[in-house]
Amino acid sequence: MSPPYDEDTERLLAKLMPPQSDIEPLLLFRVFARHRELFGRLIPMAAGLLTKGLLPARDREVVISRITARAGAEYEWGVHAVLFGPAVGLDQELLDAIATQPADASAFDERTRLLVTAVDELHDQATVSADTWGRLAQVYDEPRLLELLLVAGWYRTFSAVITSVALPHESWAARFPLADSSSG
């Protein structure tokens, strides 16, 4: 979907972008806008996870960055690497490591390593091991644990849409880094 948009679409897309933003509405939003009813149901959950969640923002972005990278959704990883990660203290070096390094990489502090491990388990087995769950439960209460699972699942679902429709990159978004096999 490209401009000019019909009035309803214009209004819907404008709600999702920051006021006075000079960025065109995200391509992903324009894809979802093709199914207005579904899009209307997605917006509250997506906005809630990004702006009203209980999970610390940095932790949320680690989860999103890892799950989208593991799922091959460079589009979503790149948008978050530019718009959201830096805003919560994730520098490009750490974002690159989250995208390319194994969970035990030296680039990760203990908490980041735990989140990366949990996301890897969710991605690979659709569950978190008892050991990882126990360690997560020492850091997060039950509502935050549930939110962590939902954030990972939500962005895994977005990743499936992004990769299936071969969504092109935003011109300003980051690209996946090349994996450095000497790191870790």
N, C-alpha and C. Protein backbone atom coordinates (compact mmCIF):
# COMPACT_ATOMS: atom_id res chain seq x y z
N MET A 1 0.85 -1.17 0.00
CA MET A 1 0.00 0.00 0.00
C MET A 1 0.90 1.23 0.00
N SER A 2 0.69 2.08 -0.95
CA SER A 2 1.51 3.29 -1.11
C SER A 2 0.62 4.52 -1.10
N PRO A 3 1.21 5.68 -0.74
CA PRO A 3 0.42 6.91 -0.78
C PRO A 3 0.04 7.24 -2.21
N PRO A 4 -1.00 8.00 -2.42
CA PRO A 4 -1.84 8.57 -1.37
C PRO A 4 -2.79 7.51 -0.81
N TYR A 5 -3.06 7.62 0.49
CA TYR A 5 -3.95 6.68 1.17
C TYR A 5 -5.35 7.27 1.22
N ASP A 6 -6.34 6.38 1.32
CA ASP A 6 -7.69 6.89 1.55
C ASP A 6 -7.72 7.52 2.95
N GLU A 7 -8.73 8.29 3.21
CA GLU A 7 -8.80 9.07 4.45
C GLU A 7 -8.72 8.19 5.70
N ASP A 8 -9.44 7.07 5.72
CA ASP A 8 -9.42 6.18 6.89
C ASP A 8 -8.04 5.57 7.10
N THR A 9 -7.41 5.15 6.03
CA THR A 9 -6.07 4.57 6.13
C THR A 9 -5.07 5.61 6.60
N GLU A 10 -5.16 6.81 6.06
CA GLU A 10 -4.28 7.91 6.47
C GLU A 10 -4.39 8.16 7.97
N ARG A 11 -5.61 8.19 8.47
CA ARG A 11 -5.85 8.43 9.89
C ARG A 11 -5.29 7.28 10.74
N LEU A 12 -5.53 6.07 10.31
CA LEU A 12 -5.04 4.90 11.03
C LEU A 12 -3.52 4.87 11.09
N LEU A 13 -2.88 5.07 9.96
CA LEU A 13 -1.41 5.05 9.91
C LEU A 13 -0.81 6.21 10.72
N ALA A 14 -1.46 7.36 10.68
CA ALA A 14 -0.95 8.52 11.43
C ALA A 14 -0.95 8.26 12.93
N LYS A 15 -1.93 7.51 13.42
CA LYS A 15 -2.00 7.18 14.84
C LYS A 15 -0.79 6.37 15.29
N LEU A 16 -0.20 5.63 14.39
CA LEU A 16 0.87 4.71 14.75
C LEU A 16 2.26 5.33 14.67
N MET A 17 2.36 6.48 14.07
CA MET A 17 3.66 7.13 13.92
C MET A 17 3.77 8.28 14.92
N PRO A 18 5.00 8.59 15.35
CA PRO A 18 5.16 9.72 16.26
C PRO A 18 4.64 11.01 15.62
N PRO A 19 4.08 11.92 16.44
CA PRO A 19 3.59 13.19 15.89
C PRO A 19 4.70 13.93 15.14
N GLN A 20 4.35 14.55 14.06
CA GLN A 20 5.28 15.30 13.21
C GLN A 20 6.47 14.46 12.76
N SER A 21 6.29 13.17 12.64
CA SER A 21 7.36 12.29 12.17
C SER A 21 7.60 12.53 10.69
N ASP A 22 8.86 12.56 10.32
CA ASP A 22 9.17 12.70 8.90
C ASP A 22 9.39 11.33 8.25
N ILE A 23 9.14 10.29 9.02
CA ILE A 23 9.26 8.92 8.50
C ILE A 23 7.90 8.51 7.93
N GLU A 24 7.94 7.98 6.72
CA GLU A 24 6.73 7.42 6.10
C GLU A 24 6.20 6.30 7.01
N PRO A 25 4.89 6.11 7.11
CA PRO A 25 4.38 5.00 7.92
C PRO A 25 5.11 3.70 7.54
N LEU A 26 5.45 2.94 8.57
CA LEU A 26 6.23 1.73 8.35
C LEU A 26 5.57 0.79 7.34
N LEU A 27 6.40 0.17 6.54
CA LEU A 27 5.91 -0.79 5.55
C LEU A 27 5.08 -1.90 6.20
N LEU A 28 5.51 -2.35 7.37
CA LEU A 28 4.76 -3.40 8.06
C LEU A 28 3.35 -2.91 8.38
N PHE A 29 3.21 -1.68 8.84
CA PHE A 29 1.88 -1.13 9.12
C PHE A 29 1.05 -1.07 7.85
N ARG A 30 1.69 -0.70 6.75
CA ARG A 30 0.96 -0.60 5.48
C ARG A 30 0.51 -1.97 4.99
N VAL A 31 1.29 -3.01 5.28
CA VAL A 31 0.87 -4.37 4.93
C VAL A 31 -0.35 -4.75 5.76
N PHE A 32 -0.28 -4.53 7.07
CA PHE A 32 -1.41 -4.88 7.93
C PHE A 32 -2.65 -4.04 7.62
N ALA A 33 -2.47 -2.82 7.15
CA ALA A 33 -3.61 -1.95 6.85
C ALA A 33 -4.46 -2.51 5.71
N ARG A 34 -3.93 -3.46 4.97
CA ARG A 34 -4.71 -4.11 3.90
C ARG A 34 -5.85 -4.95 4.46
N HIS A 35 -5.73 -5.32 5.73
CA HIS A 35 -6.79 -6.07 6.40
C HIS A 35 -7.18 -5.24 7.63
N ARG A 36 -8.01 -4.26 7.39
CA ARG A 36 -8.32 -3.24 8.39
C ARG A 36 -8.82 -3.84 9.69
N GLU A 37 -9.72 -4.80 9.61
CA GLU A 37 -10.28 -5.39 10.84
C GLU A 37 -9.20 -6.07 11.66
N LEU A 38 -8.36 -6.85 11.02
CA LEU A 38 -7.27 -7.53 11.72
C LEU A 38 -6.30 -6.50 12.30
N PHE A 39 -5.97 -5.51 11.51
CA PHE A 39 -5.04 -4.47 11.95
C PHE A 39 -5.58 -3.77 13.20
N GLY A 40 -6.86 -3.49 13.21
CA GLY A 40 -7.48 -2.85 14.37
C GLY A 40 -7.34 -3.68 15.63
N ARG A 41 -7.35 -4.99 15.48
CA ARG A 41 -7.18 -5.86 16.64
C ARG A 41 -5.72 -5.98 17.05
N LEU A 42 -4.80 -5.85 16.09
CA LEU A 42 -3.37 -5.95 16.39
C LEU A 42 -2.84 -4.74 17.15
N ILE A 43 -3.34 -3.57 16.80
CA ILE A 43 -2.79 -2.32 17.33
C ILE A 43 -2.76 -2.28 18.86
N PRO A 44 -3.86 -2.59 19.56
CA PRO A 44 -3.80 -2.48 21.02
C PRO A 44 -2.75 -3.40 21.65
N MET A 45 -2.62 -4.61 21.15
CA MET A 45 -1.64 -5.52 21.71
C MET A 45 -0.22 -5.05 21.42
N ALA A 46 0.03 -4.67 20.18
CA ALA A 46 1.37 -4.21 19.81
C ALA A 46 1.76 -2.98 20.61
N ALA A 47 0.87 -2.01 20.69
CA ALA A 47 1.15 -0.79 21.44
C ALA A 47 1.32 -1.10 22.92
N GLY A 48 0.50 -1.98 23.43
CA GLY A 48 0.60 -2.34 24.84
C GLY A 48 1.92 -3.00 25.19
N LEU A 49 2.38 -3.88 24.34
CA LEU A 49 3.66 -4.55 24.60
C LEU A 49 4.83 -3.57 24.52
N LEU A 50 4.74 -2.61 23.62
CA LEU A 50 5.84 -1.66 23.44
C LEU A 50 5.83 -0.52 24.45
N THR A 51 4.67 -0.08 24.89
CA THR A 51 4.64 1.14 25.70
C THR A 51 4.01 0.99 27.08
N LYS A 52 3.31 -0.08 27.32
CA LYS A 52 2.60 -0.20 28.59
C LYS A 52 2.97 -1.48 29.35
N GLY A 53 3.99 -2.17 28.89
CA GLY A 53 4.34 -3.43 29.52
C GLY A 53 5.04 -3.27 30.86
N LEU A 54 5.10 -4.36 31.59
CA LEU A 54 5.78 -4.41 32.88
C LEU A 54 7.25 -4.79 32.73
N LEU A 55 7.57 -5.47 31.66
CA LEU A 55 8.94 -5.90 31.42
C LEU A 55 9.82 -4.67 31.24
N PRO A 56 10.99 -4.62 31.87
CA PRO A 56 11.86 -3.47 31.64
C PRO A 56 12.11 -3.28 30.14
N ALA A 57 12.12 -2.03 29.68
CA ALA A 57 12.23 -1.72 28.25
C ALA A 57 13.49 -2.32 27.64
N ARG A 58 14.60 -2.28 28.34
CA ARG A 58 15.84 -2.85 27.81
C ARG A 58 15.68 -4.35 27.60
N ASP A 59 15.09 -5.02 28.57
CA ASP A 59 14.89 -6.46 28.46
C ASP A 59 13.95 -6.80 27.31
N ARG A 60 12.89 -6.00 27.17
CA ARG A 60 11.95 -6.20 26.05
C ARG A 60 12.69 -6.10 24.72
N GLU A 61 13.55 -5.11 24.58
CA GLU A 61 14.27 -4.93 23.32
C GLU A 61 15.30 -6.03 23.07
N VAL A 62 15.89 -6.57 24.12
CA VAL A 62 16.78 -7.73 23.95
C VAL A 62 15.98 -8.90 23.39
N VAL A 63 14.82 -9.14 23.97
CA VAL A 63 13.96 -10.25 23.51
C VAL A 63 13.55 -10.03 22.06
N ILE A 64 13.07 -8.84 21.74
CA ILE A 64 12.64 -8.54 20.37
C ILE A 64 13.80 -8.68 19.39
N SER A 65 14.93 -8.12 19.74
CA SER A 65 16.09 -8.19 18.85
C SER A 65 16.54 -9.62 18.61
N ARG A 66 16.54 -10.43 19.64
CA ARG A 66 17.00 -11.81 19.48
C ARG A 66 15.99 -12.65 18.68
N ILE A 67 14.71 -12.53 19.01
CA ILE A 67 13.73 -13.39 18.33
C ILE A 67 13.62 -13.01 16.86
N THR A 68 13.67 -11.72 16.55
CA THR A 68 13.57 -11.33 15.15
C THR A 68 14.83 -11.72 14.38
N ALA A 69 15.98 -11.64 15.03
CA ALA A 69 17.21 -12.08 14.37
C ALA A 69 17.19 -13.58 14.14
N ARG A 70 16.82 -14.34 15.16
CA ARG A 70 16.78 -15.80 15.01
C ARG A 70 15.79 -16.23 13.94
N ALA A 71 14.70 -15.47 13.79
CA ALA A 71 13.68 -15.80 12.80
C ALA A 71 14.01 -15.27 11.40
N GLY A 72 15.12 -14.55 11.29
CA GLY A 72 15.53 -14.04 9.98
C GLY A 72 14.75 -12.82 9.52
N ALA A 73 14.09 -12.13 10.46
CA ALA A 73 13.28 -10.95 10.12
C ALA A 73 14.13 -9.69 10.22
N GLU A 74 15.01 -9.53 9.25
CA GLU A 74 15.91 -8.39 9.25
C GLU A 74 15.15 -7.06 9.27
N TYR A 75 14.02 -7.01 8.60
CA TYR A 75 13.20 -5.80 8.59
C TYR A 75 12.91 -5.35 10.03
N GLU A 76 12.32 -6.22 10.84
CA GLU A 76 11.91 -5.84 12.19
C GLU A 76 13.12 -5.61 13.09
N TRP A 77 14.13 -6.45 12.96
CA TRP A 77 15.35 -6.26 13.74
C TRP A 77 15.94 -4.88 13.44
N GLY A 78 15.99 -4.52 12.16
CA GLY A 78 16.57 -3.25 11.75
C GLY A 78 15.80 -2.03 12.23
N VAL A 79 14.48 -2.11 12.24
CA VAL A 79 13.66 -1.01 12.75
C VAL A 79 13.93 -0.83 14.24
N HIS A 80 13.93 -1.93 14.98
CA HIS A 80 14.18 -1.84 16.43
C HIS A 80 15.61 -1.43 16.73
N ALA A 81 16.55 -1.84 15.92
CA ALA A 81 17.95 -1.47 16.14
C ALA A 81 18.18 0.03 15.98
N VAL A 82 17.31 0.69 15.22
CA VAL A 82 17.45 2.14 15.02
C VAL A 82 16.52 2.92 15.96
N LEU A 83 15.26 2.52 16.06
CA LEU A 83 14.27 3.32 16.79
C LEU A 83 14.14 3.00 18.27
N PHE A 84 14.30 1.75 18.65
CA PHE A 84 13.98 1.35 20.01
C PHE A 84 15.19 0.94 20.85
N GLY A 85 16.08 0.15 20.29
CA GLY A 85 17.23 -0.34 21.05
C GLY A 85 18.08 0.77 21.64
N PRO A 86 18.54 1.73 20.83
CA PRO A 86 19.36 2.81 21.37
C PRO A 86 18.64 3.62 22.45
N ALA A 87 17.34 3.77 22.34
CA ALA A 87 16.57 4.55 23.31
C ALA A 87 16.56 3.91 24.69
N VAL A 88 16.85 2.60 24.76
CA VAL A 88 16.86 1.90 26.06
C VAL A 88 18.26 1.45 26.45
N GLY A 89 19.27 2.00 25.77
CA GLY A 89 20.65 1.74 26.17
C GLY A 89 21.36 0.61 25.45
N LEU A 90 20.78 0.08 24.39
CA LEU A 90 21.45 -0.97 23.62
C LEU A 90 22.24 -0.30 22.50
N ASP A 91 23.57 -0.38 22.57
CA ASP A 91 24.37 0.22 21.50
C ASP A 91 24.48 -0.76 20.33
N GLN A 92 24.98 -0.26 19.21
CA GLN A 92 25.01 -1.07 17.99
C GLN A 92 25.86 -2.32 18.16
N GLU A 93 26.94 -2.23 18.91
CA GLU A 93 27.79 -3.40 19.14
C GLU A 93 27.03 -4.51 19.85
N LEU A 94 26.25 -4.14 20.87
CA LEU A 94 25.46 -5.14 21.59
C LEU A 94 24.32 -5.66 20.72
N LEU A 95 23.65 -4.79 19.99
CA LEU A 95 22.59 -5.23 19.09
C LEU A 95 23.14 -6.20 18.05
N ASP A 96 24.32 -5.93 17.53
CA ASP A 96 24.95 -6.83 16.57
C ASP A 96 25.25 -8.18 17.21
N ALA A 97 25.73 -8.16 18.45
CA ALA A 97 26.02 -9.42 19.16
C ALA A 97 24.73 -10.20 19.41
N ILE A 98 23.66 -9.50 19.78
CA ILE A 98 22.38 -10.17 20.00
C ILE A 98 21.92 -10.86 18.72
N ALA A 99 22.19 -10.25 17.58
CA ALA A 99 21.78 -10.82 16.30
C ALA A 99 22.65 -11.98 15.86
N THR A 100 23.90 -12.03 16.28
CA THR A 100 24.83 -12.99 15.66
C THR A 100 25.54 -13.95 16.61
N GLN A 101 25.64 -13.61 17.87
CA GLN A 101 26.48 -14.40 18.78
C GLN A 101 25.68 -15.46 19.53
N PRO A 102 26.33 -16.55 19.94
CA PRO A 102 25.66 -17.56 20.76
C PRO A 102 25.35 -16.99 22.14
N ALA A 103 24.43 -17.63 22.83
CA ALA A 103 23.98 -17.14 24.13
C ALA A 103 25.10 -17.00 25.15
N ASP A 104 26.13 -17.80 25.03
CA ASP A 104 27.22 -17.74 26.01
C ASP A 104 28.33 -16.75 25.61
N ALA A 105 28.07 -15.89 24.66
CA ALA A 105 29.07 -14.93 24.18
C ALA A 105 29.51 -13.99 25.30
N SER A 106 30.77 -13.62 25.28
CA SER A 106 31.31 -12.71 26.29
C SER A 106 30.74 -11.30 26.16
N ALA A 107 30.11 -10.99 25.07
CA ALA A 107 29.51 -9.66 24.87
C ALA A 107 28.32 -9.43 25.79
N PHE A 108 27.77 -10.49 26.36
CA PHE A 108 26.54 -10.38 27.15
C PHE A 108 26.82 -10.38 28.64
N ASP A 109 26.13 -9.48 29.36
CA ASP A 109 26.14 -9.56 30.81
C ASP A 109 25.21 -10.71 31.21
N GLU A 110 25.16 -11.02 32.48
CA GLU A 110 24.40 -12.18 32.94
C GLU A 110 22.91 -12.11 32.58
N ARG A 111 22.32 -10.95 32.77
CA ARG A 111 20.88 -10.81 32.48
C ARG A 111 20.60 -10.93 30.98
N THR A 112 21.42 -10.29 30.16
CA THR A 112 21.25 -10.38 28.71
C THR A 112 21.43 -11.82 28.26
N ARG A 113 22.42 -12.49 28.81
CA ARG A 113 22.68 -13.90 28.47
C ARG A 113 21.46 -14.76 28.81
N LEU A 114 20.85 -14.52 29.95
CA LEU A 114 19.66 -15.26 30.35
C LEU A 114 18.51 -15.02 29.37
N LEU A 115 18.30 -13.77 28.99
CA LEU A 115 17.23 -13.46 28.03
C LEU A 115 17.49 -14.10 26.67
N VAL A 116 18.74 -14.02 26.21
CA VAL A 116 19.10 -14.61 24.92
C VAL A 116 18.90 -16.13 24.97
N THR A 117 19.28 -16.74 26.08
CA THR A 117 19.09 -18.19 26.24
C THR A 117 17.60 -18.54 26.19
N ALA A 118 16.79 -17.79 26.92
CA ALA A 118 15.34 -18.05 26.94
C ALA A 118 14.75 -17.92 25.54
N VAL A 119 15.13 -16.86 24.82
CA VAL A 119 14.60 -16.66 23.46
C VAL A 119 15.06 -17.78 22.54
N ASP A 120 16.32 -18.18 22.65
CA ASP A 120 16.80 -19.28 21.81
C ASP A 120 16.02 -20.56 22.07
N GLU A 121 15.74 -20.84 23.32
CA GLU A 121 14.95 -22.04 23.65
C GLU A 121 13.54 -21.92 23.10
N LEU A 122 12.92 -20.77 23.26
CA LEU A 122 11.58 -20.57 22.70
C LEU A 122 11.58 -20.72 21.19
N HIS A 123 12.58 -20.15 20.54
CA HIS A 123 12.66 -20.25 19.08
C HIS A 123 12.88 -21.69 18.64
N ASP A 124 13.76 -22.39 19.30
CA ASP A 124 14.14 -23.75 18.87
C ASP A 124 13.16 -24.84 19.29
N GLN A 125 12.57 -24.70 20.49
CA GLN A 125 11.70 -25.77 21.00
C GLN A 125 10.29 -25.33 21.37
N ALA A 126 10.00 -24.03 21.21
CA ALA A 126 8.69 -23.48 21.60
C ALA A 126 8.40 -23.69 23.08
N THR A 127 9.47 -23.74 23.88
CA THR A 127 9.33 -23.82 25.33
C THR A 127 10.63 -23.35 25.95
N VAL A 128 10.56 -23.05 27.23
CA VAL A 128 11.75 -22.66 27.99
C VAL A 128 12.07 -23.82 28.92
N SER A 129 13.32 -24.21 28.98
CA SER A 129 13.72 -25.32 29.85
C SER A 129 13.44 -25.00 31.31
N ALA A 130 13.32 -26.03 32.13
CA ALA A 130 13.07 -25.84 33.56
C ALA A 130 14.19 -25.02 34.20
N ASP A 131 15.42 -25.27 33.81
CA ASP A 131 16.55 -24.53 34.38
C ASP A 131 16.45 -23.04 34.03
N THR A 132 16.21 -22.74 32.77
CA THR A 132 16.10 -21.34 32.35
C THR A 132 14.90 -20.68 33.00
N TRP A 133 13.79 -21.40 33.07
CA TRP A 133 12.59 -20.84 33.70
C TRP A 133 12.87 -20.52 35.17
N GLY A 134 13.55 -21.40 35.85
CA GLY A 134 13.90 -21.16 37.25
C GLY A 134 14.76 -19.92 37.42
N ARG A 135 15.72 -19.74 36.53
CA ARG A 135 16.58 -18.55 36.60
C ARG A 135 15.79 -17.29 36.25
N LEU A 136 14.89 -17.38 35.27
CA LEU A 136 14.03 -16.23 34.94
C LEU A 136 13.14 -15.86 36.13
N ALA A 137 12.62 -16.87 36.83
CA ALA A 137 11.73 -16.64 37.97
C ALA A 137 12.45 -15.98 39.14
N GLN A 138 13.77 -16.03 39.16
CA GLN A 138 14.54 -15.32 40.19
C GLN A 138 14.66 -13.84 39.86
N VAL A 139 14.42 -13.48 38.61
CA VAL A 139 14.55 -12.09 38.15
C VAL A 139 13.18 -11.43 38.00
N TYR A 140 12.19 -12.17 37.52
CA TYR A 140 10.89 -11.60 37.17
C TYR A 140 9.77 -12.25 37.97
N ASP A 141 8.74 -11.45 38.27
CA ASP A 141 7.53 -12.00 38.88
C ASP A 141 6.69 -12.65 37.77
N GLU A 142 5.59 -13.30 38.15
CA GLU A 142 4.77 -14.03 37.18
C GLU A 142 4.23 -13.15 36.05
N PRO A 143 3.69 -11.96 36.34
CA PRO A 143 3.21 -11.13 35.21
C PRO A 143 4.32 -10.82 34.20
N ARG A 144 5.52 -10.54 34.67
CA ARG A 144 6.63 -10.23 33.76
C ARG A 144 7.09 -11.47 33.01
N LEU A 145 7.04 -12.62 33.66
CA LEU A 145 7.38 -13.87 32.96
C LEU A 145 6.41 -14.11 31.80
N LEU A 146 5.12 -13.93 32.07
CA LEU A 146 4.12 -14.11 31.01
C LEU A 146 4.32 -13.10 29.89
N GLU A 147 4.62 -11.87 30.27
CA GLU A 147 4.85 -10.84 29.25
C GLU A 147 6.06 -11.17 28.40
N LEU A 148 7.13 -11.68 29.01
CA LEU A 148 8.32 -12.06 28.26
C LEU A 148 7.96 -13.11 27.20
N LEU A 149 7.16 -14.11 27.60
CA LEU A 149 6.74 -15.14 26.65
C LEU A 149 5.90 -14.54 25.53
N LEU A 150 5.00 -13.61 25.88
CA LEU A 150 4.15 -12.99 24.86
C LEU A 150 4.94 -12.10 23.92
N VAL A 151 5.89 -11.35 24.44
CA VAL A 151 6.71 -10.51 23.57
C VAL A 151 7.46 -11.38 22.56
N ALA A 152 8.08 -12.44 23.05
CA ALA A 152 8.81 -13.34 22.14
C ALA A 152 7.86 -13.95 21.10
N GLY A 153 6.71 -14.41 21.54
CA GLY A 153 5.76 -15.02 20.61
C GLY A 153 5.17 -14.02 19.62
N TRP A 154 4.87 -12.83 20.11
CA TRP A 154 4.30 -11.79 19.25
C TRP A 154 5.27 -11.43 18.14
N TYR A 155 6.52 -11.21 18.50
CA TYR A 155 7.50 -10.81 17.49
C TYR A 155 7.94 -11.99 16.63
N ARG A 156 7.77 -13.19 17.11
CA ARG A 156 8.00 -14.37 16.26
C ARG A 156 6.92 -14.44 15.19
N THR A 157 5.70 -14.12 15.59
CA THR A 157 4.58 -14.09 14.64
C THR A 157 4.80 -12.98 13.61
N PHE A 158 5.16 -11.78 14.06
CA PHE A 158 5.47 -10.71 13.11
C PHE A 158 6.58 -11.14 12.17
N SER A 159 7.57 -11.82 12.70
CA SER A 159 8.69 -12.28 11.87
C SER A 159 8.22 -13.22 10.77
N ALA A 160 7.26 -14.09 11.10
CA ALA A 160 6.73 -15.01 10.09
C ALA A 160 6.03 -14.24 8.98
N VAL A 161 5.29 -13.20 9.33
CA VAL A 161 4.64 -12.38 8.31
C VAL A 161 5.69 -11.67 7.46
N ILE A 162 6.64 -11.06 8.12
CA ILE A 162 7.68 -10.28 7.43
C ILE A 162 8.46 -11.14 6.45
N THR A 163 8.89 -12.31 6.89
CA THR A 163 9.69 -13.16 6.00
C THR A 163 8.82 -13.80 4.91
N SER A 164 7.57 -14.09 5.23
CA SER A 164 6.69 -14.72 4.24
C SER A 164 6.32 -13.78 3.11
N VAL A 165 6.09 -12.51 3.43
CA VAL A 165 5.74 -11.55 2.38
C VAL A 165 6.99 -10.87 1.81
N ALA A 166 8.16 -11.28 2.28
CA ALA A 166 9.44 -10.72 1.83
C ALA A 166 9.41 -9.20 1.89
N LEU A 167 9.04 -8.70 3.07
CA LEU A 167 8.93 -7.26 3.26
C LEU A 167 10.27 -6.58 3.02
N PRO A 168 10.31 -5.60 2.12
CA PRO A 168 11.57 -4.90 1.87
C PRO A 168 11.95 -4.04 3.07
N HIS A 169 13.22 -3.73 3.17
CA HIS A 169 13.74 -2.96 4.30
C HIS A 169 13.33 -1.50 4.20
N GLU A 170 13.17 -0.89 5.37
CA GLU A 170 13.03 0.56 5.43
C GLU A 170 14.40 1.12 5.05
N SER A 171 14.43 2.18 4.28
CA SER A 171 15.70 2.73 3.79
C SER A 171 16.62 3.17 4.93
N TRP A 172 16.06 3.55 6.04
CA TRP A 172 16.82 4.07 7.17
C TRP A 172 17.14 3.02 8.23
N ALA A 173 16.59 1.82 8.09
CA ALA A 173 16.74 0.78 9.13
C ALA A 173 18.11 0.11 9.03
N ALA A 174 18.55 -0.44 10.16
CA ALA A 174 19.82 -1.16 10.22
C ALA A 174 19.69 -2.48 9.46
N ARG A 175 20.80 -2.96 9.00
CA ARG A 175 20.88 -4.27 8.35
C ARG A 175 21.55 -5.24 9.32
N PHE A 176 21.29 -6.52 9.14
CA PHE A 176 21.96 -7.52 9.97
C PHE A 176 23.47 -7.37 9.83
N PRO A 177 24.18 -7.50 10.94
CA PRO A 177 25.64 -7.50 10.85
C PRO A 177 26.12 -8.85 10.31
N LEU A 178 27.32 -8.87 9.80
CA LEU A 178 27.92 -10.14 9.41
C LEU A 178 28.38 -10.85 10.67
N ALA A 179 28.11 -12.12 10.77
CA ALA A 179 28.54 -12.89 11.94
C ALA A 179 30.06 -12.96 11.95
N ASP A 180 30.63 -12.72 13.12
CA ASP A 180 32.07 -12.80 13.30
C ASP A 180 32.37 -14.08 14.04
N SER A 181 32.85 -15.07 13.35
CA SER A 181 33.09 -16.38 13.96
C SER A 181 34.21 -16.36 14.97
N SER A 182 35.02 -15.27 15.03
CA SER A 182 36.10 -15.22 15.99
C SER A 182 35.65 -14.67 17.33
N SER A 183 34.40 -14.13 17.41
CA SER A 183 33.90 -13.59 18.66
C SER A 183 33.25 -14.68 19.49
N GLY A 184 33.02 -14.34 20.73
CA GLY A 184 32.26 -15.27 21.56
C GLY A 184 32.86 -15.43 22.81
